[in-house]
């Protein structure tokens, strides 16, 4: 199965069109995804081949005349004089690039800028969900009903559980968007506060919880069993930690 990241980000990354935040996110993913690394090499190789082949359509004389009037000078194309061996060097360079990513950007993957952007996205998604009619796509406290609703909407097994006996009553779920990807969101109620638990698949290894706050909202995220979890609410931090422990059991 083709990686979702390849469809969403690879071409934009190759063309230098991603924001700094998205670039770090894609590079972080690529360190653990052989499929994306291979696809990047293949696409870069194809791009080099097309540039070398100089495939183009002749512009009509009128268009060439209009462009010539607007440009003071036109720099010669470097691609036209590039030797054939550069095609193979481009592919090799792409492989080296993937190998060097771990060394070059590894320490910065959880930088302050990344955490700030991540916090902004999850809090914004939580606040948007609190608007009337947005909190759930399926409103039910039945684990099986909620899980069945998600079955044909996400490509991973969603751990749906009701913790009403522990004070966290399942309200339902919906689809949302975090960091440019579709994610599942389970909704719980705790002492009058609503808690969103965003869940999406990840190739990364398990991590301990990492907590933070923004605009009066608390959040805690962790990875477990190739799933990324992030709980967000204006509930007490201790409540989010308790929910984390229940989900992690």
Foldseek 3Di string as FASTA:
>chain_A
DQDPCCVQPLVCLLVVNDDPLLNLVSLVQLLLDVRSLVVNLVVQLVVLVCLLVPDDDDDDPVVVVVVVVVDPDDDDDPSPPDDPCVSVVRSVVSNVVSVCSCVPCVVCSVPPVNVVLQQVQVVVQVVVCPPPPRVAPDFDQDQVVQQVVCPVPADDRDDGDAPVVVQWGWGHWHWDDGSRDIWIWTWTDHPNKIKTKTKDFGSDDWDDKDWDDDPQKIKIWIDDPRMIIMIIINDDPVVRVVVVVVVRD
